Amino acid sequence: MSDSRVRRMAPVLDLALAEERKAAGVLGDCQKQLEDAAARLRDLEHYSGEYAKGWSQQGSAGVGREWLLNYQRFMAQMQTAIEQQRQTLGWHQQSLERARSLWRERYQRVEALRKLIEKYREEARARADKQEQKLLDELTQRAFAHRRQTDGDLL
């Protein structure tokens, strides 16, 4: 009886495994997107820093009004881009946490199903062992009864 429960649970486990693998794939994709967003932010911050250094060097030599306005406009755009990238990074971090949580749920479901199936297998083994022991006991009783009968006939 428990063997049939194990067989019925196999497709459920297969489906849960497929869902867990899919969630793991999404988690991997989210991790990669987060890493890419962090790299873009680092690049923007580095470029902004390098441009600011250029301002220091250029400023010491003297600059015109037009150059200064262009520099200020460009740095404002860089700060806007950096802030947008920080927001994007935050969004990717949240997305990663959601994906990690979903994967953890799927993984726990797979583990719970595996434990349940193992319990069913153990129950089936115990039932089979009990039936085998019962059969051996009956055979032993019959053999003993048959032997007593044959021994009684000899007397």
N, C-alpha and C. Protein backbone atom coordinates (compact mmCIF):
# COMPACT_ATOMS: atom_id res chain seq x y z
N MET A 1 0.83 -1.19 0.00
CA MET A 1 0.00 0.00 0.00
C MET A 1 0.87 1.26 0.00
N SER A 2 1.93 1.27 0.82
CA SER A 2 2.80 2.44 0.87
C SER A 2 3.60 2.58 -0.42
N ASP A 3 3.91 1.45 -1.07
CA ASP A 3 4.62 1.52 -2.35
C ASP A 3 3.83 2.33 -3.36
N SER A 4 2.52 2.17 -3.36
CA SER A 4 1.69 2.93 -4.30
C SER A 4 1.72 4.41 -3.93
N ARG A 5 1.83 4.72 -2.65
CA ARG A 5 1.94 6.13 -2.24
C ARG A 5 3.25 6.72 -2.76
N VAL A 6 4.32 5.95 -2.70
CA VAL A 6 5.62 6.42 -3.21
C VAL A 6 5.51 6.68 -4.71
N ARG A 7 4.88 5.76 -5.43
CA ARG A 7 4.73 5.93 -6.89
C ARG A 7 3.86 7.14 -7.22
N ARG A 8 2.82 7.37 -6.43
CA ARG A 8 1.96 8.53 -6.67
C ARG A 8 2.68 9.84 -6.37
N MET A 9 3.63 9.81 -5.46
CA MET A 9 4.35 11.02 -5.08
C MET A 9 5.47 11.36 -6.07
N ALA A 10 5.91 10.41 -6.87
CA ALA A 10 7.03 10.65 -7.80
C ALA A 10 6.76 11.82 -8.74
N PRO A 11 5.60 11.90 -9.41
CA PRO A 11 5.36 13.06 -10.29
C PRO A 11 5.30 14.38 -9.52
N VAL A 12 4.80 14.33 -8.30
CA VAL A 12 4.74 15.54 -7.48
C VAL A 12 6.15 16.02 -7.17
N LEU A 13 7.02 15.08 -6.82
CA LEU A 13 8.42 15.42 -6.55
C LEU A 13 9.09 15.94 -7.82
N ASP A 14 8.84 15.31 -8.95
CA ASP A 14 9.43 15.78 -10.21
C ASP A 14 9.01 17.22 -10.52
N LEU A 15 7.75 17.51 -10.32
CA LEU A 15 7.25 18.87 -10.55
C LEU A 15 7.90 19.86 -9.59
N ALA A 16 8.01 19.48 -8.33
CA ALA A 16 8.64 20.35 -7.33
C ALA A 16 10.11 20.58 -7.66
N LEU A 17 10.78 19.54 -8.14
CA LEU A 17 12.19 19.68 -8.55
C LEU A 17 12.32 20.64 -9.73
N ALA A 18 11.42 20.53 -10.68
CA ALA A 18 11.44 21.42 -11.84
C ALA A 18 11.22 22.87 -11.40
N GLU A 19 10.29 23.08 -10.48
CA GLU A 19 10.03 24.43 -9.98
C GLU A 19 11.23 24.97 -9.21
N GLU A 20 11.89 24.09 -8.46
CA GLU A 20 13.08 24.51 -7.70
C GLU A 20 14.21 24.88 -8.64
N ARG A 21 14.41 24.08 -9.69
CA ARG A 21 15.45 24.39 -10.68
C ARG A 21 15.16 25.71 -11.39
N LYS A 22 13.91 25.93 -11.72
CA LYS A 22 13.52 27.18 -12.37
C LYS A 22 13.79 28.37 -11.44
N ALA A 23 13.42 28.23 -10.17
CA ALA A 23 13.66 29.29 -9.20
C ALA A 23 15.16 29.52 -9.02
N ALA A 24 15.96 28.46 -9.06
CA ALA A 24 17.41 28.61 -8.95
C ALA A 24 17.96 29.36 -10.16
N GLY A 25 17.40 29.10 -11.33
CA GLY A 25 17.81 29.82 -12.54
C GLY A 25 17.50 31.30 -12.45
N VAL A 26 16.31 31.61 -11.96
CA VAL A 26 15.92 33.01 -11.78
C VAL A 26 16.84 33.67 -10.75
N LEU A 27 17.15 32.96 -9.69
CA LEU A 27 18.05 33.48 -8.67
C LEU A 27 19.42 33.79 -9.28
N GLY A 28 19.93 32.89 -10.10
CA GLY A 28 21.21 33.12 -10.77
C GLY A 28 21.16 34.33 -11.69
N ASP A 29 20.06 34.46 -12.43
CA ASP A 29 19.90 35.62 -13.32
C ASP A 29 19.87 36.92 -12.52
N CYS A 30 19.16 36.91 -11.41
CA CYS A 30 19.07 38.11 -10.57
C CYS A 30 20.43 38.47 -9.98
N GLN A 31 21.19 37.47 -9.58
CA GLN A 31 22.52 37.71 -9.05
C GLN A 31 23.41 38.35 -10.11
N LYS A 32 23.33 37.84 -11.33
CA LYS A 32 24.13 38.39 -12.43
C LYS A 32 23.72 39.84 -12.73
N GLN A 33 22.42 40.10 -12.75
CA GLN A 33 21.94 41.46 -13.00
C GLN A 33 22.40 42.42 -11.90
N LEU A 34 22.40 41.95 -10.66
CA LEU A 34 22.86 42.78 -9.56
C LEU A 34 24.35 43.10 -9.72
N GLU A 35 25.12 42.08 -10.06
CA GLU A 35 26.56 42.29 -10.26
C GLU A 35 26.81 43.27 -11.40
N ASP A 36 26.05 43.13 -12.49
CA ASP A 36 26.20 44.05 -13.62
C ASP A 36 25.85 45.49 -13.22
N ALA A 37 24.77 45.64 -12.47
CA ALA A 37 24.34 46.98 -12.03
C ALA A 37 25.39 47.60 -11.10
N ALA A 38 25.96 46.78 -10.23
CA ALA A 38 27.00 47.28 -9.31
C ALA A 38 28.24 47.70 -10.11
N ALA A 39 28.59 46.93 -11.14
CA ALA A 39 29.74 47.28 -11.98
C ALA A 39 29.48 48.59 -12.72
N ARG A 40 28.27 48.77 -13.23
CA ARG A 40 27.93 50.03 -13.92
C ARG A 40 28.02 51.22 -12.97
N LEU A 41 27.56 51.02 -11.74
CA LEU A 41 27.63 52.10 -10.75
C LEU A 41 29.10 52.44 -10.45
N ARG A 42 29.91 51.43 -10.26
CA ARG A 42 31.34 51.67 -10.02
C ARG A 42 31.97 52.43 -11.18
N ASP A 43 31.62 52.01 -12.40
CA ASP A 43 32.17 52.69 -13.58
C ASP A 43 31.74 54.16 -13.62
N LEU A 44 30.47 54.43 -13.36
CA LEU A 44 29.98 55.81 -13.36
C LEU A 44 30.69 56.65 -12.28
N GLU A 45 30.81 56.08 -11.10
CA GLU A 45 31.47 56.80 -10.01
C GLU A 45 32.94 57.06 -10.34
N HIS A 46 33.59 56.07 -10.93
CA HIS A 46 34.99 56.23 -11.32
C HIS A 46 35.13 57.32 -12.39
N TYR A 47 34.29 57.25 -13.39
CA TYR A 47 34.34 58.23 -14.48
C TYR A 47 34.08 59.63 -13.94
N SER A 48 33.11 59.75 -13.05
CA SER A 48 32.80 61.06 -12.46
C SER A 48 34.01 61.57 -11.67
N GLY A 49 34.64 60.70 -10.92
CA GLY A 49 35.83 61.08 -10.15
C GLY A 49 36.96 61.53 -11.05
N GLU A 50 37.16 60.79 -12.14
CA GLU A 50 38.22 61.15 -13.09
C GLU A 50 37.92 62.50 -13.75
N TYR A 51 36.67 62.73 -14.06
CA TYR A 51 36.29 64.00 -14.68
C TYR A 51 36.50 65.15 -13.71
N ALA A 52 36.19 64.89 -12.42
CA ALA A 52 36.40 65.93 -11.39
C ALA A 52 37.88 66.24 -11.25
N LYS A 53 38.73 65.22 -11.35
CA LYS A 53 40.18 65.46 -11.30
C LYS A 53 40.60 66.34 -12.48
N GLY A 54 40.01 66.06 -13.62
CA GLY A 54 40.30 66.88 -14.80
C GLY A 54 39.92 68.33 -14.58
N TRP A 55 38.84 68.54 -13.87
CA TRP A 55 38.40 69.90 -13.55
C TRP A 55 39.45 70.59 -12.69
N SER A 56 39.98 69.87 -11.72
CA SER A 56 40.99 70.46 -10.85
C SER A 56 42.21 70.88 -11.65
N GLN A 57 42.62 69.99 -12.54
CA GLN A 57 43.80 70.30 -13.36
C GLN A 57 43.52 71.45 -14.32
N GLN A 58 42.37 71.39 -14.97
CA GLN A 58 42.00 72.43 -15.94
C GLN A 58 41.74 73.75 -15.23
N GLY A 59 41.10 73.68 -14.07
CA GLY A 59 40.74 74.88 -13.32
C GLY A 59 41.97 75.65 -12.86
N SER A 60 43.01 74.92 -12.52
CA SER A 60 44.22 75.61 -12.06
C SER A 60 44.88 76.40 -13.19
N ALA A 61 44.62 76.00 -14.43
CA ALA A 61 45.18 76.71 -15.59
C ALA A 61 44.26 77.85 -16.02
N GLY A 62 43.07 77.89 -15.48
CA GLY A 62 42.11 78.93 -15.84
C GLY A 62 41.12 78.43 -16.88
N VAL A 63 39.85 78.72 -16.68
CA VAL A 63 38.82 78.25 -17.60
C VAL A 63 37.88 79.40 -17.93
N GLY A 64 37.23 79.23 -19.08
CA GLY A 64 36.26 80.24 -19.49
C GLY A 64 34.88 79.92 -18.93
N ARG A 65 34.00 80.87 -19.04
CA ARG A 65 32.64 80.73 -18.54
C ARG A 65 31.92 79.57 -19.23
N GLU A 66 32.03 79.47 -20.53
CA GLU A 66 31.37 78.41 -21.30
C GLU A 66 31.86 77.03 -20.83
N TRP A 67 33.15 76.89 -20.64
CA TRP A 67 33.71 75.60 -20.20
C TRP A 67 33.17 75.26 -18.82
N LEU A 68 33.12 76.22 -17.94
CA LEU A 68 32.62 76.00 -16.58
C LEU A 68 31.14 75.59 -16.60
N LEU A 69 30.34 76.23 -17.42
CA LEU A 69 28.92 75.87 -17.52
C LEU A 69 28.75 74.45 -18.06
N ASN A 70 29.53 74.12 -19.08
CA ASN A 70 29.48 72.75 -19.64
C ASN A 70 29.90 71.72 -18.59
N TYR A 71 30.94 72.05 -17.85
CA TYR A 71 31.42 71.15 -16.80
C TYR A 71 30.33 70.94 -15.74
N GLN A 72 29.72 72.02 -15.28
CA GLN A 72 28.67 71.92 -14.26
C GLN A 72 27.47 71.12 -14.77
N ARG A 73 27.10 71.34 -16.01
CA ARG A 73 25.97 70.62 -16.62
C ARG A 73 26.31 69.12 -16.70
N PHE A 74 27.52 68.85 -17.16
CA PHE A 74 27.93 67.45 -17.31
C PHE A 74 27.97 66.76 -15.94
N MET A 75 28.52 67.42 -14.92
CA MET A 75 28.61 66.82 -13.58
C MET A 75 27.21 66.62 -13.00
N ALA A 76 26.29 67.51 -13.28
CA ALA A 76 24.91 67.34 -12.81
C ALA A 76 24.29 66.12 -13.48
N GLN A 77 24.56 65.95 -14.77
CA GLN A 77 24.05 64.77 -15.49
C GLN A 77 24.69 63.50 -14.93
N MET A 78 25.98 63.57 -14.61
CA MET A 78 26.66 62.40 -14.04
C MET A 78 26.05 62.04 -12.69
N GLN A 79 25.78 63.04 -11.86
CA GLN A 79 25.17 62.77 -10.54
C GLN A 79 23.78 62.19 -10.70
N THR A 80 23.03 62.67 -11.68
CA THR A 80 21.71 62.11 -11.96
C THR A 80 21.84 60.65 -12.39
N ALA A 81 22.79 60.38 -13.28
CA ALA A 81 23.00 59.01 -13.75
C ALA A 81 23.44 58.10 -12.60
N ILE A 82 24.30 58.61 -11.74
CA ILE A 82 24.75 57.81 -10.59
C ILE A 82 23.58 57.53 -9.65
N GLU A 83 22.77 58.52 -9.39
CA GLU A 83 21.62 58.32 -8.50
C GLU A 83 20.63 57.32 -9.12
N GLN A 84 20.39 57.42 -10.41
CA GLN A 84 19.50 56.46 -11.09
C GLN A 84 20.09 55.05 -11.02
N GLN A 85 21.40 54.95 -11.17
CA GLN A 85 22.04 53.63 -11.12
C GLN A 85 21.97 53.07 -9.70
N ARG A 86 22.08 53.93 -8.69
CA ARG A 86 21.93 53.46 -7.30
C ARG A 86 20.52 52.93 -7.08
N GLN A 87 19.53 53.63 -7.64
CA GLN A 87 18.14 53.15 -7.53
C GLN A 87 17.98 51.81 -8.25
N THR A 88 18.60 51.72 -9.42
CA THR A 88 18.54 50.46 -10.17
C THR A 88 19.20 49.34 -9.37
N LEU A 89 20.33 49.64 -8.75
CA LEU A 89 21.02 48.66 -7.92
C LEU A 89 20.13 48.22 -6.77
N GLY A 90 19.46 49.18 -6.12
CA GLY A 90 18.54 48.84 -5.04
C GLY A 90 17.40 47.96 -5.51
N TRP A 91 16.88 48.26 -6.69
CA TRP A 91 15.81 47.45 -7.25
C TRP A 91 16.30 46.02 -7.50
N HIS A 92 17.52 45.90 -8.03
CA HIS A 92 18.08 44.56 -8.29
C HIS A 92 18.35 43.81 -6.98
N GLN A 93 18.73 44.53 -5.93
CA GLN A 93 18.93 43.88 -4.63
C GLN A 93 17.61 43.33 -4.10
N GLN A 94 16.55 44.11 -4.24
CA GLN A 94 15.23 43.64 -3.80
C GLN A 94 14.78 42.44 -4.64
N SER A 95 15.02 42.53 -5.93
CA SER A 95 14.65 41.44 -6.83
C SER A 95 15.41 40.17 -6.46
N LEU A 96 16.68 40.32 -6.13
CA LEU A 96 17.49 39.17 -5.72
C LEU A 96 16.93 38.57 -4.43
N GLU A 97 16.56 39.39 -3.49
CA GLU A 97 16.01 38.87 -2.23
C GLU A 97 14.69 38.13 -2.45
N ARG A 98 13.85 38.66 -3.33
CA ARG A 98 12.58 37.97 -3.65
C ARG A 98 12.88 36.62 -4.32
N ALA A 99 13.83 36.63 -5.25
CA ALA A 99 14.18 35.38 -5.95
C ALA A 99 14.79 34.37 -4.97
N ARG A 100 15.61 34.86 -4.05
CA ARG A 100 16.22 33.97 -3.05
C ARG A 100 15.15 33.37 -2.15
N SER A 101 14.19 34.18 -1.76
CA SER A 101 13.10 33.72 -0.90
C SER A 101 12.25 32.66 -1.63
N LEU A 102 11.95 32.93 -2.90
CA LEU A 102 11.17 31.97 -3.69
C LEU A 102 11.93 30.66 -3.85
N TRP A 103 13.23 30.76 -4.14
CA TRP A 103 14.04 29.55 -4.30
C TRP A 103 14.05 28.76 -2.98
N ARG A 104 14.21 29.48 -1.87
CA ARG A 104 14.25 28.81 -0.56
C ARG A 104 12.94 28.07 -0.31
N GLU A 105 11.81 28.68 -0.65
CA GLU A 105 10.51 28.02 -0.49
C GLU A 105 10.44 26.75 -1.33
N ARG A 106 10.86 26.88 -2.59
CA ARG A 106 10.83 25.72 -3.50
C ARG A 106 11.75 24.61 -3.01
N TYR A 107 12.92 24.99 -2.53
CA TYR A 107 13.89 24.01 -2.03
C TYR A 107 13.32 23.29 -0.80
N GLN A 108 12.72 24.04 0.10
CA GLN A 108 12.13 23.43 1.31
C GLN A 108 11.00 22.49 0.94
N ARG A 109 10.23 22.84 -0.10
CA ARG A 109 9.15 21.96 -0.54
C ARG A 109 9.72 20.64 -1.06
N VAL A 110 10.78 20.73 -1.86
CA VAL A 110 11.42 19.52 -2.38
C VAL A 110 11.92 18.66 -1.23
N GLU A 111 12.58 19.28 -0.26
CA GLU A 111 13.10 18.52 0.87
C GLU A 111 11.98 17.88 1.68
N ALA A 112 10.88 18.59 1.86
CA ALA A 112 9.74 18.03 2.60
C ALA A 112 9.16 16.83 1.85
N LEU A 113 9.05 16.95 0.53
CA LEU A 113 8.53 15.84 -0.27
C LEU A 113 9.48 14.64 -0.21
N ARG A 114 10.77 14.90 -0.26
CA ARG A 114 11.74 13.80 -0.15
C ARG A 114 11.61 13.08 1.20
N LYS A 115 11.45 13.85 2.25
CA LYS A 115 11.30 13.24 3.58
C LYS A 115 10.01 12.43 3.65
N LEU A 116 8.94 12.96 3.07
CA LEU A 116 7.67 12.24 3.08
C LEU A 116 7.79 10.93 2.29
N ILE A 117 8.42 10.99 1.14
CA ILE A 117 8.60 9.78 0.33
C ILE A 117 9.46 8.77 1.08
N GLU A 118 10.50 9.24 1.74
CA GLU A 118 11.36 8.33 2.51
C GLU A 118 10.56 7.71 3.66
N LYS A 119 9.68 8.48 4.28
CA LYS A 119 8.82 7.94 5.35
C LYS A 119 7.92 6.85 4.78
N TYR A 120 7.34 7.10 3.61
CA TYR A 120 6.49 6.10 2.97
C TYR A 120 7.29 4.83 2.65
N ARG A 121 8.52 5.01 2.20
CA ARG A 121 9.38 3.84 1.90
C ARG A 121 9.68 3.05 3.16
N GLU A 122 9.99 3.75 4.23
CA GLU A 122 10.27 3.08 5.50
C GLU A 122 9.05 2.33 5.99
N GLU A 123 7.87 2.95 5.86
CA GLU A 123 6.64 2.27 6.26
C GLU A 123 6.41 1.02 5.41
N ALA A 124 6.69 1.12 4.11
CA ALA A 124 6.51 -0.03 3.23
C ALA A 124 7.49 -1.14 3.61
N ARG A 125 8.73 -0.78 3.91
CA ARG A 125 9.72 -1.79 4.33
C ARG A 125 9.30 -2.44 5.64
N ALA A 126 8.84 -1.61 6.58
CA ALA A 126 8.41 -2.16 7.87
C ALA A 126 7.22 -3.11 7.69
N ARG A 127 6.29 -2.71 6.82
CA ARG A 127 5.12 -3.55 6.56
C ARG A 127 5.55 -4.88 5.89
N ALA A 128 6.46 -4.77 4.95
CA ALA A 128 6.95 -5.98 4.27
C ALA A 128 7.69 -6.88 5.25
N ASP A 129 8.51 -6.28 6.12
CA ASP A 129 9.24 -7.07 7.13
C ASP A 129 8.26 -7.77 8.07
N LYS A 130 7.22 -7.05 8.45
CA LYS A 130 6.22 -7.61 9.36
C LYS A 130 5.47 -8.78 8.69
N GLN A 131 5.12 -8.59 7.41
CA GLN A 131 4.44 -9.67 6.68
C GLN A 131 5.35 -10.89 6.53
N GLU A 132 6.61 -10.63 6.25
CA GLU A 132 7.56 -11.73 6.10
C GLU A 132 7.73 -12.47 7.42
N GLN A 133 7.82 -11.72 8.52
CA GLN A 133 7.95 -12.35 9.83
C GLN A 133 6.72 -13.17 10.16
N LYS A 134 5.54 -12.63 9.82
CA LYS A 134 4.29 -13.35 10.07
C LYS A 134 4.27 -14.66 9.28
N LEU A 135 4.70 -14.59 8.02
CA LEU A 135 4.75 -15.78 7.18
C LEU A 135 5.72 -16.80 7.75
N LEU A 136 6.89 -16.34 8.17
CA LEU A 136 7.88 -17.25 8.77
C LEU A 136 7.34 -17.88 10.05
N ASP A 137 6.65 -17.11 10.86
CA ASP A 137 6.06 -17.64 12.09
C ASP A 137 5.03 -18.71 11.77
N GLU A 138 4.19 -18.45 10.76
CA GLU A 138 3.18 -19.44 10.37
C GLU A 138 3.83 -20.71 9.86
N LEU A 139 4.85 -20.56 9.03
CA LEU A 139 5.55 -21.74 8.51
C LEU A 139 6.21 -22.52 9.64
N THR A 140 6.79 -21.80 10.57
CA THR A 140 7.42 -22.47 11.71
C THR A 140 6.38 -23.21 12.53
N GLN A 141 5.22 -22.59 12.77
CA GLN A 141 4.15 -23.23 13.52
C GLN A 141 3.66 -24.48 12.80
N ARG A 142 3.47 -24.39 11.50
CA ARG A 142 3.00 -25.55 10.73
C ARG A 142 4.02 -26.68 10.78
N ALA A 143 5.30 -26.28 10.61
CA ALA A 143 6.34 -27.31 10.64
C ALA A 143 6.38 -27.97 12.02
N PHE A 144 6.25 -27.18 13.07
CA PHE A 144 6.27 -27.72 14.42
C PHE A 144 5.06 -28.62 14.66
N ALA A 145 3.90 -28.15 14.18
CA ALA A 145 2.66 -28.93 14.35
C ALA A 145 2.75 -30.22 13.55
N HIS A 146 3.30 -30.14 12.35
CA HIS A 146 3.44 -31.33 11.51
C HIS A 146 4.41 -32.32 12.15
N ARG A 147 5.47 -31.81 12.73
CA ARG A 147 6.47 -32.64 13.38
C ARG A 147 5.89 -33.32 14.61
N ARG A 148 5.10 -32.60 15.37
CA ARG A 148 4.48 -33.20 16.56
C ARG A 148 3.51 -34.30 16.16
N GLN A 149 2.83 -34.03 15.04
CA GLN A 149 1.87 -35.02 14.57
C GLN A 149 2.62 -36.29 14.11
N THR A 150 3.71 -36.08 13.38
CA THR A 150 4.46 -37.23 12.89
C THR A 150 5.14 -37.94 14.06
N ASP A 151 5.60 -37.22 15.01
CA ASP A 151 6.23 -37.83 16.18
C ASP A 151 5.20 -38.59 17.00
N GLY A 152 3.97 -38.08 17.06
CA GLY A 152 2.90 -38.73 17.78
C GLY A 152 2.47 -40.02 17.09
N ASP A 153 2.50 -40.05 15.78
CA ASP A 153 2.13 -41.25 15.01
C ASP A 153 3.16 -42.35 15.22
N LEU A 154 4.40 -42.00 15.48
CA LEU A 154 5.46 -42.99 15.64
C LEU A 154 5.37 -43.68 17.00
N LEU A 155 4.79 -43.04 17.96
CA LEU A 155 4.68 -43.63 19.28
C LEU A 155 3.54 -44.56 19.31
